[in-house]
Amino acid sequence: MLTHVVLFKLKDRSPETLNKVKELLMNLEGKIPQLKYIEVGIDILHSERSYDISLITRFDSLEDMQAYQVHPAHVEVLNFLSTVRESSVAVDYNS
């Protein structure tokens, strides 16, 4: 099982934007066959080192994650995120 974790820092940290991003990410569930698990969280601490949103996804293989990356539903979300994201970091590992 491959786990893909992404942390997003947004330009606009308003509740409306945070909830919109969470909803868009969660709406990927059931649209991409390779996506086996998705969890999205909004930060509650708001510390200096905090990121605003976490995304945890799981796939059966690296190839499945790569298929997810180019799936039209995911690309649509990425296009939106590119307009609201200040920065992001990711880690991918076998679990």
Protein backbone atom coordinates (compact mmCIF):
# COMPACT_ATOMS: atom_id res chain seq x y z
CA MET A 1 0.00 0.00 0.00
CA LEU A 2 1.34 3.43 -0.95
CA THR A 3 0.43 6.42 1.22
CA HIS A 4 0.55 9.94 -0.26
CA VAL A 5 0.44 12.85 2.21
CA VAL A 6 0.22 16.49 1.13
CA LEU A 7 0.11 19.58 3.33
CA PHE A 8 -1.21 22.81 1.86
CA LYS A 9 -0.69 26.39 3.01
CA LEU A 10 -3.30 28.66 1.44
CA LYS A 11 -3.10 32.33 0.47
CA ASP A 12 -6.58 32.93 1.91
CA ARG A 13 -7.19 31.09 5.16
CA SER A 14 -10.84 32.11 5.50
CA PRO A 15 -13.27 29.37 6.60
CA GLU A 16 -15.00 29.62 3.22
CA THR A 17 -11.81 28.88 1.27
CA LEU A 18 -10.67 26.16 3.67
CA ASN A 19 -14.03 24.40 3.46
CA LYS A 20 -14.15 24.74 -0.34
CA VAL A 21 -10.72 23.12 -0.70
CA LYS A 22 -11.71 20.34 1.69
CA GLU A 23 -14.94 19.72 -0.22
CA LEU A 24 -13.17 19.66 -3.60
CA LEU A 25 -10.61 17.16 -2.34
CA MET A 26 -13.19 14.94 -0.65
CA ASN A 27 -15.28 14.96 -3.82
CA LEU A 28 -12.51 12.92 -5.48
CA GLU A 29 -13.73 9.93 -3.48
CA GLY A 30 -15.41 7.44 -5.78
CA LYS A 31 -14.35 9.27 -8.97
CA ILE A 32 -10.89 7.74 -9.40
CA PRO A 33 -10.77 3.92 -9.32
CA GLN A 34 -7.15 3.79 -8.11
CA LEU A 35 -7.90 5.97 -5.06
CA LYS A 36 -8.47 3.52 -2.20
CA TYR A 37 -8.65 5.97 0.72
CA ILE A 38 -8.88 9.71 1.21
CA GLU A 39 -8.84 11.86 4.33
CA VAL A 40 -8.79 15.65 4.42
CA GLY A 41 -8.28 17.74 7.56
CA ILE A 42 -8.31 21.44 8.34
CA ASP A 43 -5.73 22.63 10.86
CA ILE A 44 -7.10 23.67 14.25
CA LEU A 45 -3.95 24.99 15.98
CA HIS A 46 -2.89 27.75 13.56
CA SER A 47 0.67 27.80 14.89
CA GLU A 48 3.62 29.29 12.99
CA ARG A 49 4.63 25.87 11.70
CA SER A 50 1.11 24.74 10.83
CA TYR A 51 -0.12 24.09 7.34
CA ASP A 52 -3.79 24.74 6.63
CA ILE A 53 -5.01 21.49 5.08
CA SER A 54 -3.76 17.93 5.12
CA LEU A 55 -4.55 15.35 2.47
CA ILE A 56 -3.92 11.65 3.06
CA THR A 57 -4.54 9.23 0.20
CA ARG A 58 -3.74 5.55 -0.28
CA PHE A 59 -3.16 3.46 -3.37
CA ASP A 60 -2.33 -0.17 -4.08
CA SER A 61 0.85 0.79 -5.94
CA LEU A 62 3.03 3.63 -7.21
CA GLU A 63 1.55 3.05 -10.67
CA ASP A 64 -1.94 3.58 -9.26
CA MET A 65 -0.85 6.85 -7.65
CA GLN A 66 0.66 7.97 -10.94
CA ALA A 67 -2.65 7.20 -12.70
CA TYR A 68 -4.45 9.26 -10.03
CA GLN A 69 -2.09 12.19 -10.63
CA VAL A 70 -3.16 12.52 -14.28
CA HIS A 71 -6.84 11.59 -13.87
CA PRO A 72 -9.06 14.45 -15.18
CA ALA A 73 -10.91 14.80 -11.84
CA HIS A 74 -7.61 15.21 -9.98
CA VAL A 75 -6.19 17.59 -12.59
CA GLU A 76 -9.29 19.79 -12.22
CA VAL A 77 -8.72 20.02 -8.46
CA LEU A 78 -5.01 20.73 -9.00
CA ASN A 79 -5.87 23.57 -11.36
CA PHE A 80 -8.04 25.18 -8.68
CA LEU A 81 -5.44 24.57 -5.96
CA SER A 82 -2.80 26.33 -8.03
CA THR A 83 -4.87 29.53 -7.69
CA VAL A 84 -5.31 29.37 -3.90
CA ARG A 85 -2.17 27.57 -2.71
CA GLU A 86 0.71 29.50 -1.21
CA SER A 87 2.83 26.36 -0.82
CA SER A 88 2.64 22.63 -0.35
CA VAL A 89 4.84 19.75 0.77
CA ALA A 90 4.39 16.04 0.24
CA VAL A 91 5.68 12.69 1.37
CA ASP A 92 5.02 9.29 -0.22
CA TYR A 93 5.79 6.01 1.47
CA ASN A 94 4.96 2.31 1.46
CA SER A 95 2.87 1.29 4.42
